[in-house]
Amino acid sequence: MVEARTWRTAEAKLVLAECLMARGEYEKAAQPLNEASEVLEKSGKAHPGLAQEAANTKAAFARDRTR
């Protein structure tokens, strides 16, 4: 899997994680979500919308994974 180093790659990983979560594949979603979140948190000032989306997705992951 490609490593998320830029906000563009991180955005794609975030979308991948969201799709996997929608399918109920939380184990597969964890890695791309964590990688995307790490990059997007660092670029939060440049891309605040993406940083917020990553934070929201991580919260949903934590909430929904335990159901």
PDB file of N, CA and C in Angstrom:
ATOM      1  N   MET A   1       0.837  -1.177   0.000  1.00  0.00           N
ATOM      2  CA  MET A   1       0.000   0.000   0.000  1.00  0.00           C
ATOM      3  C   MET A   1       0.885   1.244   0.000  1.00  0.00           C
ATOM      4  N   VAL A   2       0.463   2.264  -0.709  1.00  0.00           N
ATOM      5  CA  VAL A   2       1.207   3.509  -0.815  1.00  0.00           C
ATOM      6  C   VAL A   2       1.131   4.269   0.497  1.00  0.00           C
ATOM      7  N   GLU A   3       2.269   4.797   0.919  1.00  0.00           N
ATOM      8  CA  GLU A   3       2.322   5.557   2.170  1.00  0.00           C
ATOM      9  C   GLU A   3       1.762   6.961   1.951  1.00  0.00           C
ATOM     10  N   ALA A   4       0.987   7.431   2.884  1.00  0.00           N
ATOM     11  CA  ALA A   4       0.414   8.782   2.804  1.00  0.00           C
ATOM     12  C   ALA A   4       1.453   9.779   3.289  1.00  0.00           C
ATOM     13  N   ARG A   5       1.989  10.567   2.350  1.00  0.00           N
ATOM     14  CA  ARG A   5       2.979  11.579   2.720  1.00  0.00           C
ATOM     15  C   ARG A   5       2.491  12.992   2.456  1.00  0.00           C
ATOM     16  N   THR A   6       1.587  13.132   1.502  1.00  0.00           N
ATOM     17  CA  THR A   6       1.057  14.453   1.167  1.00  0.00           C
ATOM     18  C   THR A   6      -0.431  14.469   1.468  1.00  0.00           C
ATOM     19  N   TRP A   7      -1.004  15.669   1.500  1.00  0.00           N
ATOM     20  CA  TRP A   7      -2.431  15.765   1.804  1.00  0.00           C
ATOM     21  C   TRP A   7      -3.252  15.099   0.714  1.00  0.00           C
ATOM     22  N   ARG A   8      -2.770  15.074  -0.512  1.00  0.00           N
ATOM     23  CA  ARG A   8      -3.528  14.448  -1.600  1.00  0.00           C
ATOM     24  C   ARG A   8      -3.632  12.935  -1.407  1.00  0.00           C
ATOM     25  N   THR A   9      -2.509  12.323  -1.081  1.00  0.00           N
ATOM     26  CA  THR A   9      -2.513  10.881  -0.824  1.00  0.00           C
ATOM     27  C   THR A   9      -3.313  10.575   0.436  1.00  0.00           C
ATOM     28  N   ALA A  10      -3.172  11.427   1.433  1.00  0.00           N
ATOM     29  CA  ALA A  10      -3.911  11.228   2.679  1.00  0.00           C
ATOM     30  C   ALA A  10      -5.416  11.332   2.449  1.00  0.00           C
ATOM     31  N   GLU A  11      -5.827  12.246   1.581  1.00  0.00           N
ATOM     32  CA  GLU A  11      -7.251  12.379   1.279  1.00  0.00           C
ATOM     33  C   GLU A  11      -7.782  11.087   0.639  1.00  0.00           C
ATOM     34  N   ALA A  12      -7.010  10.516  -0.270  1.00  0.00           N
ATOM     35  CA  ALA A  12      -7.427   9.266  -0.907  1.00  0.00           C
ATOM     36  C   ALA A  12      -7.503   8.136   0.111  1.00  0.00           C
ATOM     37  N   LYS A  13      -6.547   8.088   1.025  1.00  0.00           N
ATOM     38  CA  LYS A  13      -6.570   7.064   2.073  1.00  0.00           C
ATOM     39  C   LYS A  13      -7.757   7.246   3.001  1.00  0.00           C
ATOM     40  N   LEU A  14      -8.115   8.492   3.273  1.00  0.00           N
ATOM     41  CA  LEU A  14      -9.272   8.768   4.116  1.00  0.00           C
ATOM     42  C   LEU A  14     -10.550   8.265   3.451  1.00  0.00           C
ATOM     43  N   VAL A  15     -10.679   8.508   2.157  1.00  0.00           N
ATOM     44  CA  VAL A  15     -11.852   8.025   1.416  1.00  0.00           C
ATOM     45  C   VAL A  15     -11.876   6.497   1.413  1.00  0.00           C
ATOM     46  N   LEU A  16     -10.725   5.876   1.208  1.00  0.00           N
ATOM     47  CA  LEU A  16     -10.648   4.413   1.256  1.00  0.00           C
ATOM     48  C   LEU A  16     -11.118   3.891   2.609  1.00  0.00           C
ATOM     49  N   ALA A  17     -10.634   4.502   3.679  1.00  0.00           N
ATOM     50  CA  ALA A  17     -11.036   4.086   5.025  1.00  0.00           C
ATOM     51  C   ALA A  17     -12.535   4.246   5.230  1.00  0.00           C
ATOM     52  N   GLU A  18     -13.088   5.359   4.754  1.00  0.00           N
ATOM     53  CA  GLU A  18     -14.532   5.582   4.894  1.00  0.00           C
ATOM     54  C   GLU A  18     -15.329   4.514   4.135  1.00  0.00           C
ATOM     55  N   CYS A  19     -14.851   4.149   2.946  1.00  0.00           N
ATOM     56  CA  CYS A  19     -15.532   3.109   2.163  1.00  0.00           C
ATOM     57  C   CYS A  19     -15.467   1.754   2.873  1.00  0.00           C
ATOM     58  N   LEU A  20     -14.309   1.424   3.401  1.00  0.00           N
ATOM     59  CA  LEU A  20     -14.160   0.155   4.125  1.00  0.00           C
ATOM     60  C   LEU A  20     -15.039   0.134   5.370  1.00  0.00           C
ATOM     61  N   MET A  21     -15.130   1.253   6.051  1.00  0.00           N
ATOM     62  CA  MET A  21     -15.988   1.324   7.229  1.00  0.00           C
ATOM     63  C   MET A  21     -17.450   1.130   6.844  1.00  0.00           C
ATOM     64  N   ALA A  22     -17.847   1.719   5.715  1.00  0.00           N
ATOM     65  CA  ALA A  22     -19.230   1.574   5.259  1.00  0.00           C
ATOM     66  C   ALA A  22     -19.557   0.115   4.960  1.00  0.00           C
ATOM     67  N   ARG A  23     -18.551  -0.637   4.556  1.00  0.00           N
ATOM     68  CA  ARG A  23     -18.731  -2.069   4.288  1.00  0.00           C
ATOM     69  C   ARG A  23     -18.617  -2.912   5.563  1.00  0.00           C
ATOM     70  N   GLY A  24     -18.262  -2.269   6.670  1.00  0.00           N
ATOM     71  CA  GLY A  24     -18.103  -2.990   7.929  1.00  0.00           C
ATOM     72  C   GLY A  24     -16.740  -3.639   8.081  1.00  0.00           C
ATOM     73  N   GLU A  25     -15.787  -3.259   7.252  1.00  0.00           N
ATOM     74  CA  GLU A  25     -14.444  -3.848   7.280  1.00  0.00           C
ATOM     75  C   GLU A  25     -13.506  -2.947   8.098  1.00  0.00           C
ATOM     76  N   TYR A  26     -13.754  -2.906   9.385  1.00  0.00           N
ATOM     77  CA  TYR A  26     -13.019  -2.002  10.266  1.00  0.00           C
ATOM     78  C   TYR A  26     -11.554  -2.367  10.411  1.00  0.00           C
ATOM     79  N   GLU A  27     -11.235  -3.650  10.383  1.00  0.00           N
ATOM     80  CA  GLU A  27      -9.832  -4.058  10.493  1.00  0.00           C
ATOM     81  C   GLU A  27      -9.024  -3.526   9.315  1.00  0.00           C
ATOM     82  N   LYS A  28      -9.595  -3.582   8.133  1.00  0.00           N
ATOM     83  CA  LYS A  28      -8.911  -3.086   6.933  1.00  0.00           C
ATOM     84  C   LYS A  28      -8.879  -1.557   6.902  1.00  0.00           C
ATOM     85  N   ALA A  29      -9.827  -0.910   7.532  1.00  0.00           N
ATOM     86  CA  ALA A  29      -9.916   0.556   7.519  1.00  0.00           C
ATOM     87  C   ALA A  29      -8.932   1.214   8.477  1.00  0.00           C
ATOM     88  N   ALA A  30      -8.486   0.495   9.475  1.00  0.00           N
ATOM     89  CA  ALA A  30      -7.663   1.094  10.529  1.00  0.00           C
ATOM     90  C   ALA A  30      -6.363   1.698  10.002  1.00  0.00           C
ATOM     91  N   GLN A  31      -5.617   0.952   9.207  1.00  0.00           N
ATOM     92  CA  GLN A  31      -4.320   1.441   8.740  1.00  0.00           C
ATOM     93  C   GLN A  31      -4.438   2.682   7.851  1.00  0.00           C
ATOM     94  N   PRO A  32      -5.253   2.640   6.785  1.00  0.00           N
ATOM     95  CA  PRO A  32      -5.335   3.862   5.970  1.00  0.00           C
ATOM     96  C   PRO A  32      -5.899   5.057   6.741  1.00  0.00           C
ATOM     97  N   LEU A  33      -6.794   4.815   7.682  1.00  0.00           N
ATOM     98  CA  LEU A  33      -7.347   5.906   8.478  1.00  0.00           C
ATOM     99  C   LEU A  33      -6.274   6.536   9.356  1.00  0.00           C
ATOM    100  N   ASN A  34      -5.480   5.713  10.007  1.00  0.00           N
ATOM    101  CA  ASN A  34      -4.428   6.240  10.874  1.00  0.00           C
ATOM    102  C   ASN A  34      -3.368   6.998  10.080  1.00  0.00           C
ATOM    103  N   GLU A  35      -2.980   6.452   8.929  1.00  0.00           N
ATOM    104  CA  GLU A  35      -1.988   7.128   8.092  1.00  0.00           C
ATOM    105  C   GLU A  35      -2.517   8.471   7.598  1.00  0.00           C
ATOM    106  N   ALA A  36      -3.755   8.482   7.134  1.00  0.00           N
ATOM    107  CA  ALA A  36      -4.351   9.720   6.632  1.00  0.00           C
ATOM    108  C   ALA A  36      -4.482  10.749   7.746  1.00  0.00           C
ATOM    109  N   SER A  37      -4.935  10.322   8.891  1.00  0.00           N
ATOM    110  CA  SER A  37      -5.131  11.246  10.009  1.00  0.00           C
ATOM    111  C   SER A  37      -3.829  11.904  10.423  1.00  0.00           C
ATOM    112  N   GLU A  38      -2.764  11.117  10.457  1.00  0.00           N
ATOM    113  CA  GLU A  38      -1.462  11.644  10.861  1.00  0.00           C
ATOM    114  C   GLU A  38      -1.015  12.774   9.929  1.00  0.00           C
ATOM    115  N   VAL A  39      -1.133  12.562   8.642  1.00  0.00           N
ATOM    116  CA  VAL A  39      -0.719  13.575   7.666  1.00  0.00           C
ATOM    117  C   VAL A  39      -1.657  14.775   7.708  1.00  0.00           C
ATOM    118  N   LEU A  40      -2.956  14.531   7.767  1.00  0.00           N
ATOM    119  CA  LEU A  40      -3.920  15.624   7.719  1.00  0.00           C
ATOM    120  C   LEU A  40      -3.907  16.469   8.990  1.00  0.00           C
ATOM    121  N   GLU A  41      -3.576  15.873  10.121  1.00  0.00           N
ATOM    122  CA  GLU A  41      -3.450  16.659  11.354  1.00  0.00           C
ATOM    123  C   GLU A  41      -2.291  17.650  11.228  1.00  0.00           C
ATOM    124  N   LYS A  42      -1.197  17.216  10.580  1.00  0.00           N
ATOM    125  CA  LYS A  42      -0.041  18.091  10.397  1.00  0.00           C
ATOM    126  C   LYS A  42      -0.329  19.210   9.403  1.00  0.00           C
ATOM    127  N   SER A  43      -1.195  18.951   8.437  1.00  0.00           N
ATOM    128  CA  SER A  43      -1.495  19.959   7.425  1.00  0.00           C
ATOM    129  C   SER A  43      -2.825  20.653   7.708  1.00  0.00           C
ATOM    130  N   GLY A  44      -3.246  20.622   8.942  1.00  0.00           N
ATOM    131  CA  GLY A  44      -4.547  21.165   9.330  1.00  0.00           C
ATOM    132  C   GLY A  44      -4.757  22.621   8.997  1.00  0.00           C
ATOM    133  N   LYS A  45      -3.720  23.442   9.123  1.00  0.00           N
ATOM    134  CA  LYS A  45      -3.877  24.868   8.814  1.00  0.00           C
ATOM    135  C   LYS A  45      -4.072  25.079   7.316  1.00  0.00           C
ATOM    136  N   ALA A  46      -3.409  24.270   6.518  1.00  0.00           N
ATOM    137  CA  ALA A  46      -3.520  24.410   5.075  1.00  0.00           C
ATOM    138  C   ALA A  46      -4.821  23.814   4.545  1.00  0.00           C
ATOM    139  N   HIS A  47      -5.292  22.774   5.196  1.00  0.00           N
ATOM    140  CA  HIS A  47      -6.485  22.054   4.749  1.00  0.00           C
ATOM    141  C   HIS A  47      -7.394  21.739   5.933  1.00  0.00           C
ATOM    142  N   PRO A  48      -7.981  22.765   6.532  1.00  0.00           N
ATOM    143  CA  PRO A  48      -8.771  22.543   7.751  1.00  0.00           C
ATOM    144  C   PRO A  48      -9.984  21.642   7.538  1.00  0.00           C
ATOM    145  N   GLY A  49     -10.585  21.678   6.361  1.00  0.00           N
ATOM    146  CA  GLY A  49     -11.745  20.830   6.097  1.00  0.00           C
ATOM    147  C   GLY A  49     -11.379  19.357   6.098  1.00  0.00           C
ATOM    148  N   LEU A  50     -10.256  19.037   5.483  1.00  0.00           N
ATOM    149  CA  LEU A  50      -9.805  17.643   5.464  1.00  0.00           C
ATOM    150  C   LEU A  50      -9.372  17.179   6.847  1.00  0.00           C
ATOM    151  N   ALA A  51      -8.715  18.048   7.588  1.00  0.00           N
ATOM    152  CA  ALA A  51      -8.307  17.695   8.942  1.00  0.00           C
ATOM    153  C   ALA A  51      -9.535  17.404   9.805  1.00  0.00           C
ATOM    154  N   GLN A  52     -10.572  18.210   9.659  1.00  0.00           N
ATOM    155  CA  GLN A  52     -11.801  17.993  10.425  1.00  0.00           C
ATOM    156  C   GLN A  52     -12.493  16.709   9.991  1.00  0.00           C
ATOM    157  N   GLU A  53     -12.505  16.433   8.682  1.00  0.00           N
ATOM    158  CA  GLU A  53     -13.111  15.193   8.192  1.00  0.00           C
ATOM    159  C   GLU A  53     -12.379  13.979   8.747  1.00  0.00           C
ATOM    160  N   ALA A  54     -11.057  14.054   8.805  1.00  0.00           N
ATOM    161  CA  ALA A  54     -10.277  12.954   9.370  1.00  0.00           C
ATOM    162  C   ALA A  54     -10.612  12.746  10.846  1.00  0.00           C
ATOM    163  N   ALA A  55     -10.733  13.842  11.589  1.00  0.00           N
ATOM    164  CA  ALA A  55     -11.081  13.739  13.008  1.00  0.00           C
ATOM    165  C   ALA A  55     -12.472  13.144  13.182  1.00  0.00           C
ATOM    166  N   ASN A  56     -13.407  13.554  12.346  1.00  0.00           N
ATOM    167  CA  ASN A  56     -14.767  13.012  12.419  1.00  0.00           C
ATOM    168  C   ASN A  56     -14.792  11.529  12.076  1.00  0.00           C
ATOM    169  N   THR A  57     -14.015  11.135  11.083  1.00  0.00           N
ATOM    170  CA  THR A  57     -13.975   9.727  10.680  1.00  0.00           C
ATOM    171  C   THR A  57     -13.345   8.875  11.774  1.00  0.00           C
ATOM    172  N   LYS A  58     -12.288   9.396  12.411  1.00  0.00           N
ATOM    173  CA  LYS A  58     -11.676   8.646  13.526  1.00  0.00           C
ATOM    174  C   LYS A  58     -12.668   8.468  14.669  1.00  0.00           C
ATOM    175  N   ALA A  59     -13.454   9.494  14.947  1.00  0.00           N
ATOM    176  CA  ALA A  59     -14.460   9.392  16.010  1.00  0.00           C
ATOM    177  C   ALA A  59     -15.520   8.361  15.641  1.00  0.00           C
ATOM    178  N   ALA A  60     -15.954   8.363  14.384  1.00  0.00           N
ATOM    179  CA  ALA A  60     -16.943   7.383  13.928  1.00  0.00           C
ATOM    180  C   ALA A  60     -16.368   5.979  13.970  1.00  0.00           C
ATOM    181  N   PHE A  61     -15.109   5.853  13.625  1.00  0.00           N
ATOM    182  CA  PHE A  61     -14.425   4.553  13.665  1.00  0.00           C
ATOM    183  C   PHE A  61     -14.439   4.002  15.097  1.00  0.00           C
ATOM    184  N   ALA A  62     -14.049   4.841  16.032  1.00  0.00           N
ATOM    185  CA  ALA A  62     -14.018   4.399  17.430  1.00  0.00           C
ATOM    186  C   ALA A  62     -15.409   4.048  17.942  1.00  0.00           C
ATOM    187  N   ARG A  63     -16.402   4.828  17.555  1.00  0.00           N
ATOM    188  CA  ARG A  63     -17.778   4.591  17.994  1.00  0.00           C
ATOM    189  C   ARG A  63     -18.364   3.337  17.347  1.00  0.00           C
ATOM    190  N   ASP A  64     -18.258   3.240  16.038  1.00  0.00           N
ATOM    191  CA  ASP A  64     -18.921   2.169  15.298  1.00  0.00           C
ATOM    192  C   ASP A  64     -18.217   0.833  15.413  1.00  0.00           C
ATOM    193  N   ARG A  65     -16.938   0.857  15.615  1.00  0.00           N
ATOM    194  CA  ARG A  65     -16.159  -0.393  15.691  1.00  0.00           C
ATOM    195  C   ARG A  65     -16.595  -1.247  16.871  1.00  0.00           C
ATOM    196  N   THR A  66     -17.063  -0.616  17.921  1.00  0.00           N
ATOM    197  CA  THR A  66     -17.436  -1.348  19.135  1.00  0.00           C
ATOM    198  C   THR A  66     -18.865  -1.872  19.087  1.00  0.00           C
ATOM    199  N   ARG A  67     -19.592  -1.549  18.051  1.00  0.00           N
ATOM    200  CA  ARG A  67     -20.984  -2.017  17.959  1.00  0.00           C
ATOM    201  C   ARG A  67     -21.070  -3.434  17.512  1.00  0.00           C
TER     202      ARG A  67
END
